[in-house]
Amino acid sequence: MAKRVQVVLNESINKLGQNGDLVEVAPGYARNYLIPKKLVTLATPGILRQVEQRKEKERQKLLAQRQEAEGRKTALETIKRFTIRKEVGEGEAIFGTVTSSEVAEAIQAATNQEVDRRGITVPDINKTGFYEATVKLHPEVTATIEIQVAPL
């Protein structure tokens, strides 16, 4: 059985890994395809140290993003209630529905924090009242807010 060669990816390669990953490949694949196209660099002790440093910086960056998302979650849950005004018809039924874009605008107006509307989960709202919505601020951080739908 042939010995495998350790290489560091210079680009993301489908079915192999992401940029900066350390992977093992067959020597012929590395020598005949990956190295001539400059898709990989052979792993040496110096390059392995660079990979570790890059991964540590990435880990620190992700940790900082998570802490920032935790702070935003605290701010949202401190305010807790956001009011959205809609036209009301008979039986306190609203015209249309409350969308995630409207919730994002209400959060922006109240806190000056920009929230991605795609991370907001809003229940079906077709009457005035109080509803709960979730806001995904980070893959690991989700805030729960209360939406008050009130007449204009």
C-alpha atoms as a PDB file:
ATOM      1  CA  MET A   1       0.000   0.000   0.000  1.00  0.00           C
ATOM      2  CA  ALA A   2       1.348   3.426  -0.994  1.00  0.00           C
ATOM      3  CA  LYS A   3       2.277   5.982   1.622  1.00  0.00           C
ATOM      4  CA  ARG A   4      -0.018   9.003   1.877  1.00  0.00           C
ATOM      5  CA  VAL A   5       1.331  12.548   1.616  1.00  0.00           C
ATOM      6  CA  GLN A   6       0.280  15.386   3.912  1.00  0.00           C
ATOM      7  CA  VAL A   7      -0.552  18.636   2.107  1.00  0.00           C
ATOM      8  CA  VAL A   8      -2.103  21.977   3.044  1.00  0.00           C
ATOM      9  CA  LEU A   9      -4.881  23.191   0.752  1.00  0.00           C
ATOM     10  CA  ASN A  10      -4.398  26.619  -0.858  1.00  0.00           C
ATOM     11  CA  GLU A  11      -8.011  26.612  -2.108  1.00  0.00           C
ATOM     12  CA  SER A  12     -11.214  24.875  -1.131  1.00  0.00           C
ATOM     13  CA  ILE A  13     -11.465  21.641  -3.101  1.00  0.00           C
ATOM     14  CA  ASN A  14     -14.735  19.746  -3.373  1.00  0.00           C
ATOM     15  CA  LYS A  15     -14.650  16.405  -1.474  1.00  0.00           C
ATOM     16  CA  LEU A  16     -11.172  17.185  -0.084  1.00  0.00           C
ATOM     17  CA  GLY A  17     -11.470  20.160   2.265  1.00  0.00           C
ATOM     18  CA  GLN A  18     -11.470  23.900   2.818  1.00  0.00           C
ATOM     19  CA  ASN A  19      -8.700  26.445   2.302  1.00  0.00           C
ATOM     20  CA  GLY A  20      -5.995  25.954   4.955  1.00  0.00           C
ATOM     21  CA  ASP A  21      -6.969  22.372   5.876  1.00  0.00           C
ATOM     22  CA  LEU A  22      -4.295  19.747   6.390  1.00  0.00           C
ATOM     23  CA  VAL A  23      -5.232  16.613   4.418  1.00  0.00           C
ATOM     24  CA  GLU A  24      -3.610  13.366   3.358  1.00  0.00           C
ATOM     25  CA  VAL A  25      -3.720  12.405  -0.320  1.00  0.00           C
ATOM     26  CA  ALA A  26      -2.128   9.820  -2.562  1.00  0.00           C
ATOM     27  CA  PRO A  27       1.391  10.818  -3.659  1.00  0.00           C
ATOM     28  CA  GLY A  28       0.548  10.548  -7.371  1.00  0.00           C
ATOM     29  CA  TYR A  29      -2.525  12.794  -6.975  1.00  0.00           C
ATOM     30  CA  ALA A  30      -0.425  15.383  -5.176  1.00  0.00           C
ATOM     31  CA  ARG A  31       2.591  15.172  -7.540  1.00  0.00           C
ATOM     32  CA  ASN A  32       0.680  15.015 -10.835  1.00  0.00           C
ATOM     33  CA  TYR A  33      -2.368  17.189 -10.242  1.00  0.00           C
ATOM     34  CA  LEU A  34      -2.538  19.221  -7.041  1.00  0.00           C
ATOM     35  CA  ILE A  35       1.010  20.620  -6.844  1.00  0.00           C
ATOM     36  CA  PRO A  36       1.356  21.609 -10.565  1.00  0.00           C
ATOM     37  CA  LYS A  37      -1.952  23.491 -10.355  1.00  0.00           C
ATOM     38  CA  LYS A  38      -0.777  25.141  -7.102  1.00  0.00           C
ATOM     39  CA  LEU A  39      -3.854  23.899  -5.248  1.00  0.00           C
ATOM     40  CA  VAL A  40      -1.766  22.553  -2.348  1.00  0.00           C
ATOM     41  CA  THR A  41       1.543  23.018  -0.560  1.00  0.00           C
ATOM     42  CA  LEU A  42       3.503  20.091   0.836  1.00  0.00           C
ATOM     43  CA  ALA A  43       3.292  20.016   4.628  1.00  0.00           C
ATOM     44  CA  THR A  44       6.591  20.953   6.294  1.00  0.00           C
ATOM     45  CA  PRO A  45       7.105  21.742   9.990  1.00  0.00           C
ATOM     46  CA  GLY A  46       7.093  25.500   9.246  1.00  0.00           C
ATOM     47  CA  ILE A  47       3.905  25.315   7.216  1.00  0.00           C
ATOM     48  CA  LEU A  48       2.247  23.176   9.903  1.00  0.00           C
ATOM     49  CA  ARG A  49       3.050  25.930  12.450  1.00  0.00           C
ATOM     50  CA  GLN A  50       1.498  28.511  10.096  1.00  0.00           C
ATOM     51  CA  VAL A  51      -1.626  26.341   9.758  1.00  0.00           C
ATOM     52  CA  GLU A  52      -1.910  26.068  13.560  1.00  0.00           C
ATOM     53  CA  GLN A  53      -1.482  29.844  13.950  1.00  0.00           C
ATOM     54  CA  ARG A  54      -4.132  30.497  11.289  1.00  0.00           C
ATOM     55  CA  LYS A  55      -6.543  28.077  12.978  1.00  0.00           C
ATOM     56  CA  GLU A  56      -5.939  29.738  16.359  1.00  0.00           C
ATOM     57  CA  LYS A  57      -6.658  33.184  14.863  1.00  0.00           C
ATOM     58  CA  GLU A  58      -9.846  31.813  13.264  1.00  0.00           C
ATOM     59  CA  ARG A  59     -10.898  30.275  16.593  1.00  0.00           C
ATOM     60  CA  GLN A  60     -10.307  33.607  18.371  1.00  0.00           C
ATOM     61  CA  LYS A  61     -12.310  35.426  15.683  1.00  0.00           C
ATOM     62  CA  LEU A  62     -15.240  32.996  16.021  1.00  0.00           C
ATOM     63  CA  LEU A  63     -15.123  33.347  19.806  1.00  0.00           C
ATOM     64  CA  ALA A  64     -15.240  37.159  19.496  1.00  0.00           C
ATOM     65  CA  GLN A  65     -18.208  36.927  17.098  1.00  0.00           C
ATOM     66  CA  ARG A  66     -20.041  34.650  19.545  1.00  0.00           C
ATOM     67  CA  GLN A  67     -19.395  37.025  22.458  1.00  0.00           C
ATOM     68  CA  GLU A  68     -20.646  39.955  20.362  1.00  0.00           C
ATOM     69  CA  ALA A  69     -23.793  37.951  19.508  1.00  0.00           C
ATOM     70  CA  GLU A  70     -24.304  37.192  23.232  1.00  0.00           C
ATOM     71  CA  GLY A  71     -24.175  40.942  23.940  1.00  0.00           C
ATOM     72  CA  ARG A  72     -26.735  41.628  21.228  1.00  0.00           C
ATOM     73  CA  LYS A  73     -28.957  38.864  22.642  1.00  0.00           C
ATOM     74  CA  THR A  74     -28.813  40.487  26.077  1.00  0.00           C
ATOM     75  CA  ALA A  75     -29.747  43.856  24.566  1.00  0.00           C
ATOM     76  CA  LEU A  76     -32.711  42.375  22.667  1.00  0.00           C
ATOM     77  CA  GLU A  77     -33.993  40.420  25.651  1.00  0.00           C
ATOM     78  CA  THR A  78     -33.648  43.484  27.901  1.00  0.00           C
ATOM     79  CA  ILE A  79     -35.974  45.471  25.648  1.00  0.00           C
ATOM     80  CA  LYS A  80     -38.027  42.292  25.121  1.00  0.00           C
ATOM     81  CA  ARG A  81     -41.105  43.872  23.474  1.00  0.00           C
ATOM     82  CA  PHE A  82     -41.242  45.446  20.029  1.00  0.00           C
ATOM     83  CA  THR A  83     -44.391  47.078  18.677  1.00  0.00           C
ATOM     84  CA  ILE A  84     -45.520  46.794  15.075  1.00  0.00           C
ATOM     85  CA  ARG A  85     -48.508  48.871  13.966  1.00  0.00           C
ATOM     86  CA  LYS A  86     -50.852  47.509  11.294  1.00  0.00           C
ATOM     87  CA  GLU A  87     -54.233  48.424   9.829  1.00  0.00           C
ATOM     88  CA  VAL A  88     -56.984  46.561  11.619  1.00  0.00           C
ATOM     89  CA  GLY A  89     -60.306  45.373  10.252  1.00  0.00           C
ATOM     90  CA  GLU A  90     -63.212  43.544  11.839  1.00  0.00           C
ATOM     91  CA  GLY A  91     -62.585  41.352  14.882  1.00  0.00           C
ATOM     92  CA  GLU A  92     -59.090  42.741  15.448  1.00  0.00           C
ATOM     93  CA  ALA A  93     -57.916  41.026  12.259  1.00  0.00           C
ATOM     94  CA  ILE A  94     -55.008  42.800  10.581  1.00  0.00           C
ATOM     95  CA  PHE A  95     -54.698  43.449   6.877  1.00  0.00           C
ATOM     96  CA  GLY A  96     -51.863  41.326   5.552  1.00  0.00           C
ATOM     97  CA  THR A  97     -49.433  39.683   7.938  1.00  0.00           C
ATOM     98  CA  VAL A  98     -46.371  40.598   9.964  1.00  0.00           C
ATOM     99  CA  THR A  99     -43.203  39.698   8.079  1.00  0.00           C
ATOM    100  CA  SER A 100     -39.677  39.121   9.278  1.00  0.00           C
ATOM    101  CA  SER A 101     -38.652  42.310   7.438  1.00  0.00           C
ATOM    102  CA  GLU A 102     -41.068  44.357   9.551  1.00  0.00           C
ATOM    103  CA  VAL A 103     -39.695  42.745  12.726  1.00  0.00           C
ATOM    104  CA  ALA A 104     -36.123  43.534  11.590  1.00  0.00           C
ATOM    105  CA  GLU A 105     -37.141  47.166  10.965  1.00  0.00           C
ATOM    106  CA  ALA A 106     -38.745  47.392  14.427  1.00  0.00           C
ATOM    107  CA  ILE A 107     -35.573  46.035  16.038  1.00  0.00           C
ATOM    108  CA  GLN A 108     -33.455  48.463  13.983  1.00  0.00           C
ATOM    109  CA  ALA A 109     -35.625  51.403  15.053  1.00  0.00           C
ATOM    110  CA  ALA A 110     -35.594  50.472  18.738  1.00  0.00           C
ATOM    111  CA  THR A 111     -31.968  49.376  19.224  1.00  0.00           C
ATOM    112  CA  ASN A 112     -29.954  50.652  16.243  1.00  0.00           C
ATOM    113  CA  GLN A 113     -28.863  47.036  15.746  1.00  0.00           C
ATOM    114  CA  GLU A 114     -29.086  45.629  12.270  1.00  0.00           C
ATOM    115  CA  VAL A 115     -30.534  42.109  12.323  1.00  0.00           C
ATOM    116  CA  ASP A 116     -30.669  39.840   9.289  1.00  0.00           C
ATOM    117  CA  ARG A 117     -34.327  39.238   8.442  1.00  0.00           C
ATOM    118  CA  ARG A 118     -33.529  35.680   7.310  1.00  0.00           C
ATOM    119  CA  GLY A 119     -32.590  34.793  10.892  1.00  0.00           C
ATOM    120  CA  ILE A 120     -35.973  35.865  12.278  1.00  0.00           C
ATOM    121  CA  THR A 121     -38.687  33.265  12.761  1.00  0.00           C
ATOM    122  CA  VAL A 122     -42.147  34.828  13.051  1.00  0.00           C
ATOM    123  CA  PRO A 123     -45.322  32.806  13.743  1.00  0.00           C
ATOM    124  CA  ASP A 124     -48.395  33.294  11.546  1.00  0.00           C
ATOM    125  CA  ILE A 125     -49.841  36.572  12.748  1.00  0.00           C
ATOM    126  CA  ASN A 126     -53.253  37.719  11.509  1.00  0.00           C
ATOM    127  CA  LYS A 127     -54.743  39.390  14.607  1.00  0.00           C
ATOM    128  CA  THR A 128     -53.615  42.049  17.025  1.00  0.00           C
ATOM    129  CA  GLY A 129     -51.978  40.853  20.227  1.00  0.00           C
ATOM    130  CA  PHE A 130     -48.704  39.557  21.597  1.00  0.00           C
ATOM    131  CA  TYR A 131     -46.576  36.983  19.811  1.00  0.00           C
ATOM    132  CA  GLU A 132     -43.147  35.463  20.366  1.00  0.00           C
ATOM    133  CA  ALA A 133     -40.482  35.411  17.679  1.00  0.00           C
ATOM    134  CA  THR A 134     -36.954  34.035  17.640  1.00  0.00           C
ATOM    135  CA  VAL A 135     -33.954  35.898  16.277  1.00  0.00           C
ATOM    136  CA  LYS A 136     -30.890  33.884  15.295  1.00  0.00           C
ATOM    137  CA  LEU A 137     -27.875  36.124  15.912  1.00  0.00           C
ATOM    138  CA  HIS A 138     -25.168  33.468  15.542  1.00  0.00           C
ATOM    139  CA  PRO A 139     -25.218  29.715  14.816  1.00  0.00           C
ATOM    140  CA  GLU A 140     -25.093  29.108  18.579  1.00  0.00           C
ATOM    141  CA  VAL A 141     -26.973  32.194  19.872  1.00  0.00           C
ATOM    142  CA  THR A 142     -30.740  32.694  19.569  1.00  0.00           C
ATOM    143  CA  ALA A 143     -32.798  35.418  21.263  1.00  0.00           C
ATOM    144  CA  THR A 144     -36.522  35.262  21.964  1.00  0.00           C
ATOM    145  CA  ILE A 145     -38.441  38.539  21.645  1.00  0.00           C
ATOM    146  CA  GLU A 146     -42.062  39.533  22.043  1.00  0.00           C
ATOM    147  CA  ILE A 147     -43.902  41.277  19.228  1.00  0.00           C
ATOM    148  CA  GLN A 148     -46.916  43.404  20.000  1.00  0.00           C
ATOM    149  CA  VAL A 149     -49.158  43.901  16.989  1.00  0.00           C
ATOM    150  CA  ALA A 150     -51.228  47.052  17.560  1.00  0.00           C
ATOM    151  CA  PRO A 151     -53.697  49.018  15.438  1.00  0.00           C
ATOM    152  CA  LEU A 152     -52.513  52.135  13.593  1.00  0.00           C
END
